[in-house]
N, C-alpha and C. Protein backbone atom coordinates (compact mmCIF):
# COMPACT_ATOMS: atom_id res chain seq x y z
N MET A 1 63.74 37.77 -32.41
CA MET A 1 64.74 36.72 -32.42
C MET A 1 65.16 36.64 -33.53
N LYS A 2 66.48 36.05 -33.67
CA LYS A 2 66.99 35.68 -35.21
C LYS A 2 67.99 34.48 -35.06
N HIS A 3 67.91 33.56 -36.03
CA HIS A 3 68.65 31.89 -35.63
C HIS A 3 69.66 32.38 -36.69
N PHE A 4 71.16 31.66 -36.40
CA PHE A 4 72.17 32.29 -37.45
C PHE A 4 72.83 30.68 -37.45
N ILE A 5 73.30 30.31 -38.88
CA ILE A 5 74.33 29.22 -39.11
C ILE A 5 75.13 29.81 -39.81
N ASP A 6 76.34 29.39 -39.62
CA ASP A 6 77.68 29.47 -40.08
C ASP A 6 77.99 27.90 -40.56
N LEU A 7 77.89 28.06 -41.91
CA LEU A 7 78.09 26.52 -42.63
C LEU A 7 79.42 26.87 -43.38
N ALA A 8 80.16 25.80 -42.80
CA ALA A 8 81.89 25.89 -43.53
C ALA A 8 81.91 24.39 -44.30
N TRP A 9 82.67 25.23 -45.74
CA TRP A 9 83.27 24.12 -46.93
C TRP A 9 84.26 23.25 -45.86
N LYS A 10 84.15 21.88 -46.31
CA LYS A 10 85.14 20.92 -45.79
C LYS A 10 85.93 20.26 -46.63
N GLY A 11 85.64 20.71 -48.11
CA GLY A 11 86.17 20.02 -48.89
C GLY A 11 85.05 19.23 -49.74
N ASN A 12 85.79 18.97 -51.35
CA ASN A 12 84.72 18.00 -52.09
C ASN A 12 83.26 18.62 -51.69
N MET A 13 82.20 18.07 -51.26
CA MET A 13 80.92 18.92 -51.57
C MET A 13 80.49 18.49 -49.83
N ALA A 14 81.32 18.35 -48.79
CA ALA A 14 80.99 18.34 -47.74
C ALA A 14 80.56 19.79 -46.86
N PHE A 15 80.00 20.03 -45.91
CA PHE A 15 79.88 21.09 -45.35
C PHE A 15 79.61 21.09 -43.71
N GLU A 16 80.16 21.80 -42.74
CA GLU A 16 80.29 21.23 -41.52
C GLU A 16 78.99 22.40 -40.64
N THR A 17 78.69 22.74 -39.70
CA THR A 17 77.95 23.42 -39.14
C THR A 17 77.91 23.44 -37.42
N ASP A 18 78.08 24.00 -36.72
CA ASP A 18 77.98 24.07 -35.06
C ASP A 18 76.29 24.56 -34.91
N MET A 19 75.61 23.49 -34.40
CA MET A 19 74.22 23.95 -34.05
C MET A 19 73.61 23.75 -32.75
N ASP A 20 73.72 24.58 -32.01
CA ASP A 20 73.53 24.71 -30.68
C ASP A 20 74.67 23.42 -30.08
N GLY A 21 75.76 23.75 -30.21
CA GLY A 21 76.89 22.66 -29.74
C GLY A 21 77.00 21.55 -30.54
N HIS A 22 76.43 21.37 -31.57
CA HIS A 22 75.92 19.72 -32.18
C HIS A 22 76.91 19.84 -33.24
N GLN A 23 77.85 19.19 -33.71
CA GLN A 23 78.53 18.99 -34.75
C GLN A 23 77.45 18.52 -35.91
N VAL A 24 77.29 19.45 -37.10
CA VAL A 24 76.49 18.94 -38.10
C VAL A 24 77.34 18.68 -39.63
N MET A 25 77.68 17.59 -40.13
CA MET A 25 78.03 17.35 -41.42
C MET A 25 76.61 17.02 -42.55
N ILE A 26 77.03 17.94 -43.65
CA ILE A 26 76.09 17.50 -44.61
C ILE A 26 76.99 17.64 -45.85
N ASP A 27 76.80 16.64 -46.61
CA ASP A 27 77.43 15.97 -47.99
C ASP A 27 76.10 15.56 -48.76
N ALA A 28 77.19 15.35 -49.90
CA ALA A 28 76.51 15.11 -51.19
C ALA A 28 76.46 13.44 -50.96
N GLY A 29 75.86 12.47 -51.67
CA GLY A 29 76.05 11.23 -51.89
C GLY A 29 77.38 10.92 -53.07
N LYS A 30 77.54 9.58 -52.78
CA LYS A 30 78.55 9.21 -53.74
C LYS A 30 78.15 9.69 -55.25
N GLU A 31 77.08 9.37 -55.37
CA GLU A 31 75.96 9.35 -56.74
C GLU A 31 76.45 10.67 -57.32
N SER A 32 76.18 11.36 -56.55
CA SER A 32 76.40 13.17 -57.02
C SER A 32 77.73 13.47 -56.82
N GLY A 33 78.69 13.01 -56.46
CA GLY A 33 80.17 13.64 -56.46
C GLY A 33 80.65 13.77 -55.20
N GLY A 34 79.75 13.57 -53.83
CA GLY A 34 80.08 13.50 -52.73
C GLY A 34 80.85 12.30 -51.81
N ASP A 35 81.18 12.85 -50.46
CA ASP A 35 82.16 11.44 -50.05
C ASP A 35 80.59 10.60 -48.96
N ASP A 36 79.64 11.21 -48.91
CA ASP A 36 78.25 10.59 -48.44
C ASP A 36 78.83 10.96 -46.80
N LEU A 37 79.54 11.91 -45.94
CA LEU A 37 80.15 12.25 -44.72
C LEU A 37 78.76 12.81 -43.83
N GLY A 38 77.70 13.02 -44.38
CA GLY A 38 76.86 13.26 -43.83
C GLY A 38 75.06 13.45 -44.29
N PRO A 39 74.23 13.72 -43.88
CA PRO A 39 73.05 13.51 -44.31
C PRO A 39 72.70 14.67 -45.94
N ARG A 40 71.89 14.70 -46.29
CA ARG A 40 71.75 15.34 -47.47
C ARG A 40 70.76 16.94 -46.96
N PRO A 41 70.89 17.90 -47.37
CA PRO A 41 69.90 19.32 -47.26
C PRO A 41 68.56 18.78 -47.10
N LYS A 42 68.19 18.38 -48.23
CA LYS A 42 66.63 18.22 -48.07
C LYS A 42 66.14 16.93 -47.87
N LYS A 43 66.78 16.03 -47.20
CA LYS A 43 66.34 15.64 -46.08
C LYS A 43 65.93 15.66 -45.04
N LEU A 44 67.06 16.56 -44.63
CA LEU A 44 67.29 17.43 -43.16
C LEU A 44 65.62 18.15 -43.33
N MET A 45 65.43 18.70 -44.42
CA MET A 45 63.68 19.43 -44.23
C MET A 45 62.94 18.60 -43.32
N LEU A 46 62.99 17.25 -44.05
CA LEU A 46 61.77 16.15 -43.35
C LEU A 46 62.15 15.82 -41.87
N THR A 47 63.35 16.02 -41.60
CA THR A 47 63.93 16.04 -40.12
C THR A 47 63.41 16.68 -39.25
N ALA A 48 63.23 18.20 -39.87
CA ALA A 48 63.01 19.51 -39.13
C ALA A 48 61.60 19.47 -38.84
N LEU A 49 60.56 18.80 -39.86
CA LEU A 49 59.71 18.71 -39.92
C LEU A 49 58.73 17.84 -38.65
N ALA A 50 59.76 16.73 -38.70
CA ALA A 50 59.17 15.61 -37.86
C ALA A 50 59.62 16.02 -36.36
N GLY A 51 60.59 16.57 -36.15
CA GLY A 51 61.56 16.81 -35.03
C GLY A 51 60.63 17.98 -34.42
N CYS A 52 59.88 19.00 -35.28
CA CYS A 52 59.36 20.23 -34.59
C CYS A 52 57.91 19.61 -34.20
N SER A 53 57.11 18.86 -35.09
CA SER A 53 55.71 18.35 -34.85
C SER A 53 55.78 17.39 -33.63
N GLY A 54 56.95 16.28 -33.80
CA GLY A 54 57.08 15.35 -32.53
C GLY A 54 57.16 16.15 -31.07
N ILE A 55 58.24 17.14 -30.92
CA ILE A 55 58.76 17.77 -29.86
C ILE A 55 57.13 18.75 -29.12
N ASP A 56 56.47 19.01 -30.07
CA ASP A 56 55.16 19.81 -29.88
C ASP A 56 54.12 18.73 -29.64
N VAL A 57 53.73 17.91 -30.13
CA VAL A 57 53.00 16.77 -29.55
C VAL A 57 53.29 15.93 -28.48
N ILE A 58 54.91 15.79 -27.89
CA ILE A 58 54.90 14.96 -26.78
C ILE A 58 54.65 16.72 -25.48
N SER A 59 54.86 17.51 -25.96
CA SER A 59 54.57 18.69 -24.67
C SER A 59 53.44 18.72 -24.45
N ILE A 60 52.43 18.86 -25.52
CA ILE A 60 50.98 18.80 -25.35
C ILE A 60 50.63 17.14 -24.62
N LEU A 61 50.73 16.30 -24.90
CA LEU A 61 50.95 15.51 -24.38
C LEU A 61 50.96 15.30 -23.14
N LYS A 62 52.26 15.65 -22.55
CA LYS A 62 52.88 15.55 -21.08
C LYS A 62 51.84 16.41 -20.12
N LYS A 63 51.51 17.71 -20.91
CA LYS A 63 50.30 18.52 -20.30
C LYS A 63 49.00 17.87 -20.18
N MET A 64 48.75 17.13 -21.11
CA MET A 64 47.43 16.50 -20.43
C MET A 64 47.29 14.93 -19.92
N LYS A 65 48.89 15.16 -19.45
CA LYS A 65 49.00 13.37 -18.48
C LYS A 65 49.09 12.34 -19.32
N ILE A 66 49.12 12.25 -20.53
CA ILE A 66 49.27 11.45 -21.34
C ILE A 66 50.80 11.23 -21.90
N VAL A 67 51.07 9.55 -21.25
CA VAL A 67 52.36 9.25 -22.02
C VAL A 67 52.35 8.06 -22.83
N PRO A 68 52.64 8.21 -24.13
CA PRO A 68 52.72 6.94 -24.92
C PRO A 68 53.67 6.03 -24.19
N GLU A 69 53.40 4.63 -24.53
CA GLU A 69 54.58 3.46 -24.14
C GLU A 69 55.84 4.29 -25.36
N SER A 70 55.40 4.75 -26.73
CA SER A 70 56.50 4.75 -27.71
C SER A 70 55.56 5.77 -28.58
N PHE A 71 56.58 6.61 -29.10
CA PHE A 71 55.87 7.32 -30.14
C PHE A 71 56.78 7.75 -31.46
N ARG A 72 56.79 7.84 -32.75
CA ARG A 72 57.67 7.96 -33.66
C ARG A 72 57.00 9.04 -34.66
N VAL A 73 57.56 9.29 -35.38
CA VAL A 73 56.96 10.40 -36.32
C VAL A 73 57.44 10.03 -37.90
N VAL A 74 56.68 9.74 -38.81
CA VAL A 74 57.48 8.86 -40.02
C VAL A 74 57.00 10.25 -40.97
N VAL A 75 57.94 10.88 -41.80
CA VAL A 75 57.67 11.51 -42.71
C VAL A 75 58.39 11.47 -44.07
N GLU A 76 57.15 11.45 -44.73
CA GLU A 76 57.83 11.15 -46.59
C GLU A 76 57.32 12.21 -47.56
N GLY A 77 58.58 12.10 -48.45
CA GLY A 77 58.16 13.59 -49.11
C GLY A 77 58.31 12.82 -50.39
N ASP A 78 57.60 13.49 -51.20
CA ASP A 78 57.27 13.48 -52.74
C ASP A 78 58.47 14.47 -53.80
N VAL A 79 59.51 14.21 -54.26
CA VAL A 79 60.41 14.68 -54.86
C VAL A 79 60.00 15.00 -56.46
N THR A 80 60.00 16.28 -57.01
CA THR A 80 59.65 16.32 -58.18
C THR A 80 60.59 15.90 -59.24
N ASP A 81 60.18 15.47 -60.42
CA ASP A 81 61.46 15.21 -61.67
C ASP A 81 62.27 16.34 -62.02
N ASP A 82 61.63 17.56 -62.03
CA ASP A 82 62.20 18.74 -62.57
C ASP A 82 63.22 19.70 -61.84
N HIS A 83 63.86 19.77 -62.08
CA HIS A 83 64.80 21.21 -61.32
C HIS A 83 64.31 22.22 -61.50
N PRO A 84 64.11 22.87 -60.14
CA PRO A 84 64.82 22.61 -58.93
C PRO A 84 64.08 21.40 -58.51
N LYS A 85 64.67 20.24 -57.98
CA LYS A 85 64.05 19.05 -57.34
C LYS A 85 63.58 19.77 -56.05
N ARG A 86 62.28 19.54 -55.64
CA ARG A 86 61.83 19.66 -54.38
C ARG A 86 60.52 19.14 -54.03
N TYR A 87 60.67 19.10 -52.60
CA TYR A 87 58.99 18.52 -52.30
C TYR A 87 57.96 18.80 -52.61
N GLN A 88 57.20 18.43 -53.37
CA GLN A 88 55.63 19.02 -53.86
C GLN A 88 54.54 18.35 -53.09
N GLU A 89 54.73 17.00 -51.96
CA GLU A 89 53.92 16.58 -51.34
C GLU A 89 54.50 16.16 -50.29
N ILE A 90 54.07 16.52 -48.87
CA ILE A 90 54.91 15.62 -47.76
C ILE A 90 53.51 15.01 -47.06
N LYS A 91 53.63 13.73 -46.45
CA LYS A 91 53.05 12.77 -45.70
C LYS A 91 53.30 12.69 -44.53
N VAL A 92 52.66 13.19 -43.21
CA VAL A 92 53.43 12.65 -41.83
C VAL A 92 52.46 11.69 -40.99
N VAL A 93 53.43 10.50 -40.80
CA VAL A 93 52.19 9.82 -39.89
C VAL A 93 52.89 9.80 -38.25
N TYR A 94 52.16 9.88 -37.77
CA TYR A 94 51.90 9.86 -36.10
C TYR A 94 51.87 8.85 -35.44
N GLU A 95 52.89 7.80 -34.91
CA GLU A 95 52.40 6.65 -34.38
C GLU A 95 52.53 6.58 -33.07
N PHE A 96 51.80 6.27 -32.33
CA PHE A 96 51.40 5.88 -31.07
C PHE A 96 51.12 4.55 -30.74
N LYS A 97 52.05 4.18 -29.45
CA LYS A 97 52.00 3.07 -29.09
C LYS A 97 51.48 2.74 -27.87
N GLY A 98 50.76 2.21 -27.21
CA GLY A 98 50.28 2.06 -25.95
C GLY A 98 48.87 1.76 -25.54
N LYS A 99 48.51 1.54 -24.49
CA LYS A 99 47.11 0.71 -24.34
C LYS A 99 46.17 2.01 -23.71
N ASP A 100 45.13 1.78 -24.34
CA ASP A 100 44.20 3.19 -23.46
C ASP A 100 44.50 4.50 -24.01
N LEU A 101 45.05 4.68 -24.51
CA LEU A 101 45.16 6.18 -25.35
C LEU A 101 44.24 6.73 -25.72
N PRO A 102 43.87 7.65 -25.29
CA PRO A 102 42.58 8.75 -25.73
C PRO A 102 43.02 9.25 -26.94
N LEU A 103 42.17 8.34 -28.11
CA LEU A 103 41.97 8.86 -29.44
C LEU A 103 42.00 10.34 -30.03
N GLU A 104 41.06 10.96 -29.52
CA GLU A 104 40.64 12.62 -29.36
C GLU A 104 41.66 13.42 -28.49
N LYS A 105 42.17 12.99 -27.61
CA LYS A 105 43.49 13.93 -27.32
C LYS A 105 44.91 13.55 -28.10
N LEU A 106 44.89 12.40 -28.63
CA LEU A 106 46.10 12.24 -29.50
C LEU A 106 45.81 13.25 -31.03
N GLN A 107 44.56 13.30 -31.16
CA GLN A 107 44.17 14.25 -32.33
C GLN A 107 44.27 15.25 -32.29
N LYS A 108 43.97 15.88 -30.71
CA LYS A 108 44.31 17.63 -30.58
C LYS A 108 45.24 17.79 -30.28
N ALA A 109 46.02 17.23 -29.73
CA ALA A 109 47.87 17.25 -29.85
C ALA A 109 48.53 17.28 -31.37
N VAL A 110 48.24 16.59 -32.24
CA VAL A 110 48.63 16.52 -33.34
C VAL A 110 47.97 17.91 -33.96
N GLU A 111 46.83 18.12 -33.90
CA GLU A 111 46.23 19.13 -34.48
C GLU A 111 46.84 20.88 -34.28
N LEU A 112 46.96 20.49 -32.72
CA LEU A 112 47.67 21.98 -32.39
C LEU A 112 48.92 21.98 -32.64
N SER A 113 50.11 20.90 -33.41
CA SER A 113 50.81 21.06 -33.38
C SER A 113 50.80 21.67 -35.13
N GLU A 114 49.92 20.94 -36.07
CA GLU A 114 49.99 21.22 -37.29
C GLU A 114 49.19 22.82 -37.15
N GLU A 115 48.76 23.33 -36.72
CA GLU A 115 47.82 24.29 -36.77
C GLU A 115 48.45 25.82 -36.01
N LYS A 116 49.05 25.65 -35.29
CA LYS A 116 49.21 26.48 -34.24
C LYS A 116 50.81 26.70 -33.86
N TYR A 117 51.48 25.45 -33.41
CA TYR A 117 52.58 25.48 -32.91
C TYR A 117 54.06 25.28 -33.82
N CYS A 118 54.20 24.29 -34.52
CA CYS A 118 55.44 23.84 -35.43
C CYS A 118 55.43 24.87 -36.21
N GLY A 119 56.41 25.63 -36.19
CA GLY A 119 56.75 26.73 -37.19
C GLY A 119 57.21 26.23 -38.73
N VAL A 120 58.04 25.01 -38.33
CA VAL A 120 58.52 24.36 -39.76
C VAL A 120 57.14 23.88 -40.76
N SER A 121 56.26 23.42 -39.98
CA SER A 121 54.87 23.01 -40.99
C SER A 121 54.40 24.43 -41.33
N ALA A 122 54.22 25.23 -40.86
CA ALA A 122 53.40 26.49 -40.82
C ALA A 122 54.20 27.04 -42.49
N VAL A 123 55.91 27.12 -42.22
CA VAL A 123 56.61 27.25 -43.47
C VAL A 123 56.28 26.52 -44.85
N TYR A 124 56.42 25.00 -44.65
CA TYR A 124 56.25 24.16 -45.39
C TYR A 124 54.83 24.26 -45.95
N LYS A 125 53.76 24.42 -45.16
CA LYS A 125 52.32 24.52 -45.93
C LYS A 125 52.38 25.74 -47.03
N ARG A 126 53.17 26.63 -46.51
CA ARG A 126 52.85 27.68 -48.11
C ARG A 126 53.45 26.81 -49.07
N ALA A 127 54.49 26.36 -49.21
CA ALA A 127 55.16 25.49 -50.44
C ALA A 127 54.67 24.30 -50.92
N MET A 128 54.17 23.93 -50.42
CA MET A 128 53.55 22.12 -50.75
C MET A 128 52.62 21.40 -49.90
N ASN A 129 51.84 20.62 -50.82
CA ASN A 129 50.97 19.94 -49.75
C ASN A 129 51.56 18.95 -48.82
N ILE A 130 50.70 19.12 -47.65
CA ILE A 130 51.08 18.37 -46.50
C ILE A 130 49.88 17.73 -45.83
N SER A 131 49.93 16.55 -45.82
CA SER A 131 48.58 15.43 -45.16
C SER A 131 48.98 14.64 -43.81
N SER A 132 48.73 14.54 -43.12
CA SER A 132 48.71 13.70 -41.79
C SER A 132 47.74 12.69 -41.56
N GLU A 133 48.32 11.23 -40.85
CA GLU A 133 47.75 10.34 -40.41
C GLU A 133 48.25 10.09 -38.87
N ILE A 134 47.15 9.46 -37.99
CA ILE A 134 47.63 9.16 -36.61
C ILE A 134 46.98 7.64 -36.69
N ARG A 135 48.18 6.78 -36.25
CA ARG A 135 48.40 5.76 -36.07
C ARG A 135 48.56 5.11 -34.67
N VAL A 136 47.37 4.43 -33.90
CA VAL A 136 47.73 3.83 -32.59
C VAL A 136 47.62 2.25 -32.60
N VAL A 137 49.09 1.80 -31.98
CA VAL A 137 49.36 0.44 -31.81
C VAL A 137 49.49 0.11 -30.49
N GLU A 138 48.59 -0.93 -30.33
CA GLU A 138 48.50 -1.49 -28.94
C GLU A 138 48.90 -2.29 -28.53
């Protein structure tokens, strides 16, 4: 299987693509000469990691018949000072809300995502340090 993206320049620093039937605009911030018409490419890397792992975790928990009241994935990336500016370290926080959530099953779902299923995480681990934390809020 191959994935394909056709990114079209829309003027100044903005680019647009159709991803799975969804229009996505990418742009630079005004401080970098763009018009702020969309997110920055590097931050989309964090979004891809959060989405990939989040989908995995919820899918695994559904199979375990565990449905949290709410769930968030917060990702923080430390950017290098030197060019090319890149993420050198990423921290992923999995925040679950609900009563009587079995911590060991939450940990298992996160572990399966990080170690077996999330392709974004697998690629990023080859280039940078990734750490994670699980938080449960009742």
